[in-house]
C-alpha atoms as a PDB file:
ATOM      1  CA  UNK A   1     -18.278  85.843  -6.204  1.00  0.00           C
ATOM      2  CA  UNK A   2     -16.163  87.811  -3.750  1.00  0.00           C
ATOM      3  CA  UNK A   3     -17.000  91.020  -1.872  1.00  0.00           C
ATOM      4  CA  UNK A   4     -14.314  93.066  -0.111  1.00  0.00           C
ATOM      5  CA  UNK A   5     -14.833  96.075   2.141  1.00  0.00           C
ATOM      6  CA  UNK A   6     -12.398  98.822   1.053  1.00  0.00           C
ATOM      7  CA  UNK A   7     -12.125 100.057   4.675  1.00  0.00           C
ATOM      8  CA  UNK A   8     -11.287  96.722   6.306  1.00  0.00           C
ATOM      9  CA  UNK A   9     -10.769  93.317   4.673  1.00  0.00           C
ATOM     10  CA  UNK A  10     -11.880  91.669   7.936  1.00  0.00           C
ATOM     11  CA  UNK A  11     -15.429  93.003   7.411  1.00  0.00           C
ATOM     12  CA  UNK A  12     -17.183  89.963   5.928  1.00  0.00           C
ATOM     13  CA  UNK A  13     -20.927  90.793   6.043  1.00  0.00           C
ATOM     14  CA  UNK A  14     -22.813  92.868   3.481  1.00  0.00           C
ATOM     15  CA  UNK A  15     -26.327  94.000   2.590  1.00  0.00           C
ATOM     16  CA  UNK A  16     -27.409  93.547  -1.034  1.00  0.00           C
ATOM     17  CA  UNK A  17     -30.518  92.697  -3.044  1.00  0.00           C
ATOM     18  CA  UNK A  18     -32.111  89.331  -3.785  1.00  0.00           C
ATOM     19  CA  UNK A  19     -35.445  88.951  -5.567  1.00  0.00           C
ATOM     20  CA  UNK A  20     -38.079  86.589  -4.203  1.00  0.00           C
ATOM     21  CA  UNK A  21     -41.676  85.827  -5.061  1.00  0.00           C
ATOM     22  CA  UNK A  22     -44.658  86.108  -2.727  1.00  0.00           C
ATOM     23  CA  UNK A  23     -48.253  85.002  -3.077  1.00  0.00           C
ATOM     24  CA  UNK A  24     -50.562  87.895  -2.244  1.00  0.00           C
ATOM     25  CA  UNK A  25     -54.210  88.183  -1.410  1.00  0.00           C
ATOM     26  CA  UNK A  26     -55.580  91.125  -3.405  1.00  0.00           C
ATOM     27  CA  UNK A  27     -58.920  92.825  -3.885  1.00  0.00           C
ATOM     28  CA  UNK A  28     -60.840  93.070  -7.156  1.00  0.00           C
ATOM     29  CA  UNK A  29     -58.588  95.963  -8.262  1.00  0.00           C
ATOM     30  CA  UNK A  30     -55.372  94.044  -7.631  1.00  0.00           C
ATOM     31  CA  UNK A  31     -54.574  96.095  -4.530  1.00  0.00           C
ATOM     32  CA  UNK A  32     -52.520  94.339  -1.851  1.00  0.00           C
ATOM     33  CA  UNK A  33     -54.317  92.976   1.223  1.00  0.00           C
ATOM     34  CA  UNK A  34     -51.798  90.558   2.768  1.00  0.00           C
ATOM     35  CA  UNK A  35     -48.995  88.095   2.068  1.00  0.00           C
ATOM     36  CA  UNK A  36     -50.359  84.559   1.823  1.00  0.00           C
ATOM     37  CA  UNK A  37     -47.052  82.722   1.354  1.00  0.00           C
ATOM     38  CA  UNK A  38     -43.422  83.362   0.548  1.00  0.00           C
ATOM     39  CA  UNK A  39     -42.328  81.764  -2.669  1.00  0.00           C
ATOM     40  CA  UNK A  40     -39.018  81.095  -4.374  1.00  0.00           C
ATOM     41  CA  UNK A  41     -35.785  82.983  -4.871  1.00  0.00           C
ATOM     42  CA  UNK A  42     -35.963  84.416  -8.399  1.00  0.00           C
ATOM     43  CA  UNK A  43     -32.515  86.035  -8.404  1.00  0.00           C
ATOM     44  CA  UNK A  44     -29.738  85.618  -5.851  1.00  0.00           C
ATOM     45  CA  UNK A  45     -27.339  88.475  -5.059  1.00  0.00           C
ATOM     46  CA  UNK A  46     -25.330  89.504  -8.107  1.00  0.00           C
ATOM     47  CA  UNK A  47     -21.924  91.149  -8.488  1.00  0.00           C
ATOM     48  CA  UNK A  48     -23.659  93.985 -10.381  1.00  0.00           C
ATOM     49  CA  UNK A  49     -25.719  94.905  -7.316  1.00  0.00           C
ATOM     50  CA  UNK A  50     -24.605  97.407  -4.702  1.00  0.00           C
ATOM     51  CA  UNK A  51     -23.146  95.586  -1.682  1.00  0.00           C
ATOM     52  CA  UNK A  52     -22.907  97.641   1.518  1.00  0.00           C
ATOM     53  CA  UNK A  53     -20.674  96.641   4.428  1.00  0.00           C
ATOM     54  CA  UNK A  54     -22.729  95.928   7.563  1.00  0.00           C
ATOM     55  CA  UNK A  55     -19.905  97.062   9.873  1.00  0.00           C
ATOM     56  CA  UNK A  56     -19.017 100.452   8.378  1.00  0.00           C
ATOM     57  CA  UNK A  57     -21.546 101.245   5.614  1.00  0.00           C
ATOM     58  CA  UNK A  58     -18.951 101.479   2.842  1.00  0.00           C
ATOM     59  CA  UNK A  59     -19.795 100.159  -0.626  1.00  0.00           C
ATOM     60  CA  UNK A  60     -17.909  96.921  -1.246  1.00  0.00           C
ATOM     61  CA  UNK A  61     -15.801  96.012  -4.233  1.00  0.00           C
ATOM     62  CA  UNK A  62     -17.396  92.887  -5.731  1.00  0.00           C
ATOM     63  CA  UNK A  63     -15.953  90.525  -8.319  1.00  0.00           C
ATOM     64  CA  UNK A  64     -17.195  87.308  -9.918  1.00  0.00           C
ATOM     65  CA  UNK A  65     -14.134  85.368  -8.743  1.00  0.00           C
END
């Protein structure tokens, strides 16, 4: 995978989504009380996600190369 900032190719850091699991303590209705433990990465960042350049805020062009 390769992300490129359209404003500046030297911008190399981006914000995007990853999905992780957490173990929660909940009440009898399933309402959140607190995080008990972080779990595993379910899905790493994907080229189909929006990737935003940390330096300038522009949306990156992302390919699966």
